[in-house]
């Protein structure tokens, strides 16, 4: 009987595999889906901002470098850090 391959990270045991599969089935449910940070003004990631500011000052860290390290889009990093996007908005007239 051919084994079914699941789309999950390798190296996990049976218990963690079941847990991972269960979480994947819940990802579209309220409370489990990714929600924008903007919707929760009291829940801003302050420690991330403080850590970034320190690394920027001490080591010259930039948002693009941090985004690459986290494998996130730079716009997402700016959003989480509370940094406005300084690029001009393109408008068709």
Protein backbone atom coordinates (compact mmCIF):
# COMPACT_ATOMS: atom_id res chain seq x y z
CA UNK A 1 0.00 0.00 0.00
CA UNK A 2 1.59 3.32 -1.04
CA UNK A 3 2.10 5.80 1.76
CA UNK A 4 0.42 9.17 1.57
CA UNK A 5 2.82 12.05 1.81
CA UNK A 6 1.60 14.97 3.89
CA UNK A 7 2.71 18.52 3.34
CA UNK A 8 4.53 18.97 6.65
CA UNK A 9 8.05 19.56 7.88
CA UNK A 10 10.22 16.47 8.14
CA UNK A 11 11.78 15.23 11.34
CA UNK A 12 8.66 15.29 13.49
CA UNK A 13 7.31 12.35 15.43
CA UNK A 14 3.82 10.91 15.23
CA UNK A 15 2.36 13.05 18.02
CA UNK A 16 3.71 16.28 16.64
CA UNK A 17 2.58 15.24 13.14
CA UNK A 18 -0.98 14.87 14.34
CA UNK A 19 -0.75 18.22 16.12
CA UNK A 20 0.60 19.89 13.01
CA UNK A 21 -2.15 18.35 10.87
CA UNK A 22 -4.80 19.49 13.35
CA UNK A 23 -3.46 23.05 13.34
CA UNK A 24 -3.45 23.08 9.53
CA UNK A 25 -7.18 22.19 9.54
CA UNK A 26 -7.89 25.07 11.93
CA UNK A 27 -5.96 27.78 10.09
CA UNK A 28 -9.11 29.23 8.49
CA UNK A 29 -11.04 29.32 11.77
CA UNK A 30 -11.41 32.53 13.82
CA UNK A 31 -8.54 32.86 16.25
CA UNK A 32 -6.24 30.69 14.15
CA UNK A 33 -6.10 32.67 10.90
CA UNK A 34 -3.46 35.35 10.44
CA UNK A 35 -4.95 38.75 11.22
CA UNK A 36 -3.42 42.14 10.52
CA UNK A 37 -1.66 43.80 13.44
CA UNK A 38 -3.35 47.08 12.50
CA UNK A 39 -6.66 45.69 13.75
CA UNK A 40 -5.35 45.49 17.31
CA UNK A 41 -3.95 48.91 18.27
CA UNK A 42 -3.11 47.80 21.81
CA UNK A 43 -1.15 44.78 20.57
CA UNK A 44 1.81 46.36 18.82
CA UNK A 45 5.04 44.32 18.97
CA UNK A 46 6.99 46.77 21.15
CA UNK A 47 9.89 44.42 21.88
CA UNK A 48 10.46 43.87 18.15
CA UNK A 49 10.58 47.63 17.62
CA UNK A 50 12.99 48.13 20.52
CA UNK A 51 15.23 45.29 19.34
CA UNK A 52 15.25 46.68 15.80
CA UNK A 53 16.12 50.20 17.00
CA UNK A 54 19.00 48.84 19.08
CA UNK A 55 20.33 46.70 16.21
CA UNK A 56 19.95 49.62 13.81
CA UNK A 57 21.94 51.88 16.12
CA UNK A 58 24.59 49.35 17.16
CA UNK A 59 25.00 47.21 14.04
CA UNK A 60 23.52 49.22 11.17
CA UNK A 61 20.60 46.83 10.62
CA UNK A 62 18.17 47.88 7.91
CA UNK A 63 14.57 46.85 7.27
CA UNK A 64 15.46 44.98 4.04
CA UNK A 65 18.16 43.00 5.86
CA UNK A 66 15.79 42.17 8.74
CA UNK A 67 13.05 41.20 6.29
CA UNK A 68 15.42 38.85 4.48
CA UNK A 69 16.57 37.30 7.75
CA UNK A 70 12.96 36.71 8.86
CA UNK A 71 11.86 35.63 5.35
CA UNK A 72 9.14 38.29 5.46
CA UNK A 73 8.23 40.94 2.93
CA UNK A 74 9.77 44.34 3.85
CA UNK A 75 6.29 45.91 3.90
CA UNK A 76 5.27 43.42 6.62
CA UNK A 77 8.36 44.29 8.68
CA UNK A 78 7.59 48.02 8.31
CA UNK A 79 4.00 47.37 9.39
CA UNK A 80 5.07 45.45 12.50
CA UNK A 81 7.67 48.05 13.40
CA UNK A 82 5.17 50.87 12.93
CA UNK A 83 7.34 52.50 10.26
CA UNK A 84 5.32 54.31 7.60
CA UNK A 85 6.09 53.41 4.02
CA UNK A 86 7.80 56.49 2.60
CA UNK A 87 7.35 55.47 -1.03
CA UNK A 88 5.01 57.68 -3.05
CA UNK A 89 1.57 56.36 -3.88
CA UNK A 90 0.96 55.87 -7.58
CA UNK A 91 -2.30 57.41 -8.73
CA UNK A 92 -3.73 57.22 -12.21
CA UNK A 93 -5.30 60.45 -13.42
